[in-house]
Amino acid sequence: MAGWVRSGNIPPEAILTTVYFDFDRYTVSAAERGKLNAISGRARETKIIVAGYTDHFGTEEYNLGLSDRRAQSVREYLVGLGCANANIEIIALGEQQADKNAAGRQSGAKDRKAIVVDVNYAGAIKQPVSGPAPAPAPAPSADGAPPVPPSAL
């Protein structure tokens, strides 16, 4: 699951919640605590990854540190709700997956977050569909001769 988180390909069904942060902040706001309260029961029963993110404003080094502090803040809050610290992995991604076209602080708000992911998610992973499924190959004839495509009949 950590590889999916790092590549930005998290199965949506594995995401327990997303917590958003104000610009240049890393404490979980009162408005976002309800999300963590709501998933705390499930988070206590499984291993989780908390992935921290930032917008693209600031240096790469600063943003990596800020994303780590955001993820740590979410972990501390969940530990306070009874989750085992040992079952929570932190991944700091900084601005790696941020929208580089965001022009101002408001447009980058969706990138200032921490995502809580269920490591033990075992549901079906939906693969991207690139086109129609190929037609099955015709079965060989009873005499062992190669099959004749329907278009040749």
C-alpha atoms as a PDB file:
ATOM      1  CA  MET A   1       0.000   0.000   0.000  1.00  0.00           C
ATOM      2  CA  ALA A   2       2.887   2.379   0.728  1.00  0.00           C
ATOM      3  CA  GLY A   3       3.966   2.146  -2.911  1.00  0.00           C
ATOM      4  CA  TRP A   4       0.486   3.147  -4.051  1.00  0.00           C
ATOM      5  CA  VAL A   5       0.519   6.094  -1.665  1.00  0.00           C
ATOM      6  CA  ARG A   6       3.912   7.282  -2.909  1.00  0.00           C
ATOM      7  CA  SER A   7       2.832   6.985  -6.554  1.00  0.00           C
ATOM      8  CA  GLY A   8      -0.506   8.708  -5.973  1.00  0.00           C
ATOM      9  CA  ASN A   9      -2.498   5.607  -6.939  1.00  0.00           C
ATOM     10  CA  ILE A  10      -4.366   4.960  -3.704  1.00  0.00           C
ATOM     11  CA  PRO A  11      -7.514   2.891  -4.240  1.00  0.00           C
ATOM     12  CA  PRO A  12     -10.302   5.312  -3.235  1.00  0.00           C
ATOM     13  CA  GLU A  13     -11.945   2.581  -1.163  1.00  0.00           C
ATOM     14  CA  ALA A  14      -8.788   2.293   0.996  1.00  0.00           C
ATOM     15  CA  ILE A  15      -8.945   5.949   2.057  1.00  0.00           C
ATOM     16  CA  LEU A  16     -10.519   6.271   5.489  1.00  0.00           C
ATOM     17  CA  THR A  17     -10.550  10.078   5.452  1.00  0.00           C
ATOM     18  CA  THR A  18      -8.785  13.193   4.231  1.00  0.00           C
ATOM     19  CA  VAL A  19      -7.946  15.979   6.669  1.00  0.00           C
ATOM     20  CA  TYR A  20      -7.311  19.463   5.273  1.00  0.00           C
ATOM     21  CA  PHE A  21      -5.046  22.142   6.727  1.00  0.00           C
ATOM     22  CA  ASP A  22      -4.830  25.904   6.526  1.00  0.00           C
ATOM     23  CA  PHE A  23      -1.956  27.541   4.669  1.00  0.00           C
ATOM     24  CA  ASP A  24       1.380  26.944   6.445  1.00  0.00           C
ATOM     25  CA  ARG A  25      -0.358  25.094   9.332  1.00  0.00           C
ATOM     26  CA  TYR A  26      -0.059  21.554  10.625  1.00  0.00           C
ATOM     27  CA  THR A  27      -2.353  21.297  13.635  1.00  0.00           C
ATOM     28  CA  VAL A  28      -5.647  19.481  13.112  1.00  0.00           C
ATOM     29  CA  SER A  29      -8.312  22.179  13.228  1.00  0.00           C
ATOM     30  CA  ALA A  30     -11.522  21.808  15.216  1.00  0.00           C
ATOM     31  CA  ALA A  31     -13.434  21.652  11.923  1.00  0.00           C
ATOM     32  CA  GLU A  32     -11.428  18.584  10.785  1.00  0.00           C
ATOM     33  CA  ARG A  33     -11.381  16.643  14.073  1.00  0.00           C
ATOM     34  CA  GLY A  34     -14.834  15.185  13.445  1.00  0.00           C
ATOM     35  CA  LYS A  35     -13.452  13.279  10.448  1.00  0.00           C
ATOM     36  CA  LEU A  36     -10.839  11.608  12.623  1.00  0.00           C
ATOM     37  CA  ASN A  37     -13.327  10.945  15.400  1.00  0.00           C
ATOM     38  CA  ALA A  38     -15.591   9.229  12.845  1.00  0.00           C
ATOM     39  CA  ILE A  39     -12.905   6.811  11.618  1.00  0.00           C
ATOM     40  CA  SER A  40     -11.155   6.184  14.945  1.00  0.00           C
ATOM     41  CA  GLY A  41     -12.964   2.872  15.536  1.00  0.00           C
ATOM     42  CA  ARG A  42     -11.836   1.490  12.183  1.00  0.00           C
ATOM     43  CA  ALA A  43      -8.347   2.970  12.618  1.00  0.00           C
ATOM     44  CA  ARG A  44      -7.978   1.153  15.963  1.00  0.00           C
ATOM     45  CA  GLU A  45      -8.688  -2.182  14.226  1.00  0.00           C
ATOM     46  CA  THR A  46      -6.166  -1.965  11.389  1.00  0.00           C
ATOM     47  CA  LYS A  47      -2.770  -0.661  10.360  1.00  0.00           C
ATOM     48  CA  ILE A  48      -2.877   2.709   8.669  1.00  0.00           C
ATOM     49  CA  ILE A  49      -0.682   5.056   6.703  1.00  0.00           C
ATOM     50  CA  VAL A  50      -1.009   8.789   7.219  1.00  0.00           C
ATOM     51  CA  ALA A  51       0.354  10.573   4.162  1.00  0.00           C
ATOM     52  CA  GLY A  52       1.074  14.288   4.506  1.00  0.00           C
ATOM     53  CA  TYR A  53       0.977  16.681   1.561  1.00  0.00           C
ATOM     54  CA  THR A  54       1.514  20.382   0.843  1.00  0.00           C
ATOM     55  CA  ASP A  55       0.812  22.810  -1.957  1.00  0.00           C
ATOM     56  CA  HIS A  56       3.717  23.880  -4.176  1.00  0.00           C
ATOM     57  CA  PHE A  57       4.356  27.195  -2.422  1.00  0.00           C
ATOM     58  CA  GLY A  58       7.644  27.243  -0.494  1.00  0.00           C
ATOM     59  CA  THR A  59      10.860  25.300  -0.956  1.00  0.00           C
ATOM     60  CA  GLU A  60      10.855  21.556  -1.495  1.00  0.00           C
ATOM     61  CA  GLU A  61      12.734  21.041   1.784  1.00  0.00           C
ATOM     62  CA  TYR A  62      10.288  23.196   3.755  1.00  0.00           C
ATOM     63  CA  ASN A  63       7.292  21.437   2.209  1.00  0.00           C
ATOM     64  CA  LEU A  64       8.649  17.982   3.038  1.00  0.00           C
ATOM     65  CA  GLY A  65       9.012  19.040   6.669  1.00  0.00           C
ATOM     66  CA  LEU A  66       5.543  20.599   6.734  1.00  0.00           C
ATOM     67  CA  SER A  67       3.946  17.504   5.196  1.00  0.00           C
ATOM     68  CA  ASP A  68       5.679  15.365   7.835  1.00  0.00           C
ATOM     69  CA  ARG A  69       4.388  17.616  10.632  1.00  0.00           C
ATOM     70  CA  ARG A  70       0.845  17.374   9.190  1.00  0.00           C
ATOM     71  CA  ALA A  71       0.994  13.585   9.126  1.00  0.00           C
ATOM     72  CA  GLN A  72       2.482  13.503  12.649  1.00  0.00           C
ATOM     73  CA  SER A  73      -0.305  15.780  13.895  1.00  0.00           C
ATOM     74  CA  VAL A  74      -2.955  13.418  12.526  1.00  0.00           C
ATOM     75  CA  ARG A  75      -1.141  10.446  14.085  1.00  0.00           C
ATOM     76  CA  GLU A  76      -0.969  12.164  17.480  1.00  0.00           C
ATOM     77  CA  TYR A  77      -4.684  12.934  17.330  1.00  0.00           C
ATOM     78  CA  LEU A  78      -5.535   9.318  16.439  1.00  0.00           C
ATOM     79  CA  VAL A  79      -3.266   7.991  19.206  1.00  0.00           C
ATOM     80  CA  GLY A  80      -5.176  10.259  21.580  1.00  0.00           C
ATOM     81  CA  LEU A  81      -8.351   8.492  20.408  1.00  0.00           C
ATOM     82  CA  GLY A  82      -6.901   5.080  21.290  1.00  0.00           C
ATOM     83  CA  CYS A  83      -5.119   4.019  18.106  1.00  0.00           C
ATOM     84  CA  ALA A  84      -1.813   2.186  18.569  1.00  0.00           C
ATOM     85  CA  ASN A  85       1.151   4.370  17.611  1.00  0.00           C
ATOM     86  CA  ALA A  86       2.947   1.265  16.283  1.00  0.00           C
ATOM     87  CA  ASN A  87       0.123   0.664  13.772  1.00  0.00           C
ATOM     88  CA  ILE A  88       0.450   4.089  12.150  1.00  0.00           C
ATOM     89  CA  GLU A  89       3.059   4.676   9.446  1.00  0.00           C
ATOM     90  CA  ILE A  90       3.891   8.227   8.356  1.00  0.00           C
ATOM     91  CA  ILE A  91       4.755   9.168   4.785  1.00  0.00           C
ATOM     92  CA  ALA A  92       5.719  12.768   4.007  1.00  0.00           C
ATOM     93  CA  LEU A  93       5.237  13.600   0.342  1.00  0.00           C
ATOM     94  CA  GLY A  94       5.573  17.375   0.416  1.00  0.00           C
ATOM     95  CA  GLU A  95       4.595  18.957  -2.877  1.00  0.00           C
ATOM     96  CA  GLN A  96       5.257  15.851  -5.019  1.00  0.00           C
ATOM     97  CA  GLN A  97       1.602  15.486  -6.020  1.00  0.00           C
ATOM     98  CA  ALA A  98       0.562  19.134  -5.767  1.00  0.00           C
ATOM     99  CA  ASP A  99      -1.160  21.012  -8.570  1.00  0.00           C
ATOM    100  CA  LYS A 100       1.714  23.054 -10.020  1.00  0.00           C
ATOM    101  CA  ASN A 101      -0.798  25.284 -11.834  1.00  0.00           C
ATOM    102  CA  ALA A 102      -2.336  26.570  -8.602  1.00  0.00           C
ATOM    103  CA  ALA A 103      -1.965  30.337  -8.815  1.00  0.00           C
ATOM    104  CA  GLY A 104      -2.700  31.384  -5.247  1.00  0.00           C
ATOM    105  CA  ARG A 105      -3.235  30.194  -1.720  1.00  0.00           C
ATOM    106  CA  GLN A 106      -6.911  29.400  -2.278  1.00  0.00           C
ATOM    107  CA  SER A 107      -6.286  27.348  -5.427  1.00  0.00           C
ATOM    108  CA  GLY A 108      -3.698  25.206  -3.599  1.00  0.00           C
ATOM    109  CA  ALA A 109      -5.988  24.454  -0.634  1.00  0.00           C
ATOM    110  CA  LYS A 110      -6.896  20.963  -1.892  1.00  0.00           C
ATOM    111  CA  ASP A 111      -3.196  19.993  -1.717  1.00  0.00           C
ATOM    112  CA  ARG A 112      -2.774  20.933   1.967  1.00  0.00           C
ATOM    113  CA  LYS A 113      -3.874  17.653   3.490  1.00  0.00           C
ATOM    114  CA  ALA A 114      -3.171  14.365   5.199  1.00  0.00           C
ATOM    115  CA  ILE A 115      -4.790  11.196   3.897  1.00  0.00           C
ATOM    116  CA  VAL A 116      -5.496   8.284   6.251  1.00  0.00           C
ATOM    117  CA  VAL A 117      -5.223   4.968   4.376  1.00  0.00           C
ATOM    118  CA  ASP A 118      -6.164   1.449   5.515  1.00  0.00           C
ATOM    119  CA  VAL A 119      -3.037  -0.651   4.903  1.00  0.00           C
ATOM    120  CA  ASN A 120      -5.056  -3.861   5.126  1.00  0.00           C
ATOM    121  CA  TYR A 121      -7.572  -2.864   2.466  1.00  0.00           C
ATOM    122  CA  ALA A 122      -8.312  -6.082   0.599  1.00  0.00           C
ATOM    123  CA  GLY A 123     -11.066  -5.086  -1.799  1.00  0.00           C
ATOM    124  CA  ALA A 124     -10.905  -5.290  -5.551  1.00  0.00           C
ATOM    125  CA  ILE A 125      -8.455  -2.869  -7.086  1.00  0.00           C
ATOM    126  CA  LYS A 126     -10.009  -1.175 -10.075  1.00  0.00           C
ATOM    127  CA  GLN A 127      -7.564  -1.024 -12.958  1.00  0.00           C
ATOM    128  CA  PRO A 128      -7.874   1.777 -15.498  1.00  0.00           C
ATOM    129  CA  VAL A 129      -9.716   0.730 -18.620  1.00  0.00           C
ATOM    130  CA  SER A 130      -7.875   1.627 -21.828  1.00  0.00           C
ATOM    131  CA  GLY A 131     -10.417   0.312 -24.312  1.00  0.00           C
ATOM    132  CA  PRO A 132     -12.769  -2.560 -25.038  1.00  0.00           C
ATOM    133  CA  ALA A 133     -11.739  -6.025 -23.944  1.00  0.00           C
ATOM    134  CA  PRO A 134     -10.227  -8.108 -26.709  1.00  0.00           C
ATOM    135  CA  ALA A 135     -12.502 -10.698 -28.326  1.00  0.00           C
ATOM    136  CA  PRO A 136     -11.833 -14.270 -27.230  1.00  0.00           C
ATOM    137  CA  ALA A 137      -9.795 -16.373 -29.647  1.00  0.00           C
ATOM    138  CA  PRO A 138     -11.876 -18.785 -31.763  1.00  0.00           C
ATOM    139  CA  ALA A 139     -11.787 -22.378 -30.565  1.00  0.00           C
ATOM    140  CA  PRO A 140      -9.913 -24.900 -32.720  1.00  0.00           C
ATOM    141  CA  SER A 141     -12.076 -27.098 -34.925  1.00  0.00           C
ATOM    142  CA  ALA A 142     -12.760 -30.744 -34.081  1.00  0.00           C
ATOM    143  CA  ASP A 143     -10.353 -31.968 -36.807  1.00  0.00           C
ATOM    144  CA  GLY A 144      -7.473 -29.918 -35.395  1.00  0.00           C
ATOM    145  CA  ALA A 145      -7.402 -27.484 -38.322  1.00  0.00           C
ATOM    146  CA  PRO A 146      -6.718 -23.848 -37.462  1.00  0.00           C
ATOM    147  CA  PRO A 147      -9.864 -21.866 -36.740  1.00  0.00           C
ATOM    148  CA  VAL A 148     -11.428 -19.860 -39.534  1.00  0.00           C
ATOM    149  CA  PRO A 149     -12.163 -16.250 -38.566  1.00  0.00           C
ATOM    150  CA  PRO A 150     -15.869 -15.360 -38.868  1.00  0.00           C
ATOM    151  CA  SER A 151     -15.032 -12.640 -41.408  1.00  0.00           C
ATOM    152  CA  ALA A 152     -13.652 -15.270 -43.815  1.00  0.00           C
ATOM    153  CA  LEU A 153     -16.903 -17.291 -43.924  1.00  0.00           C
END
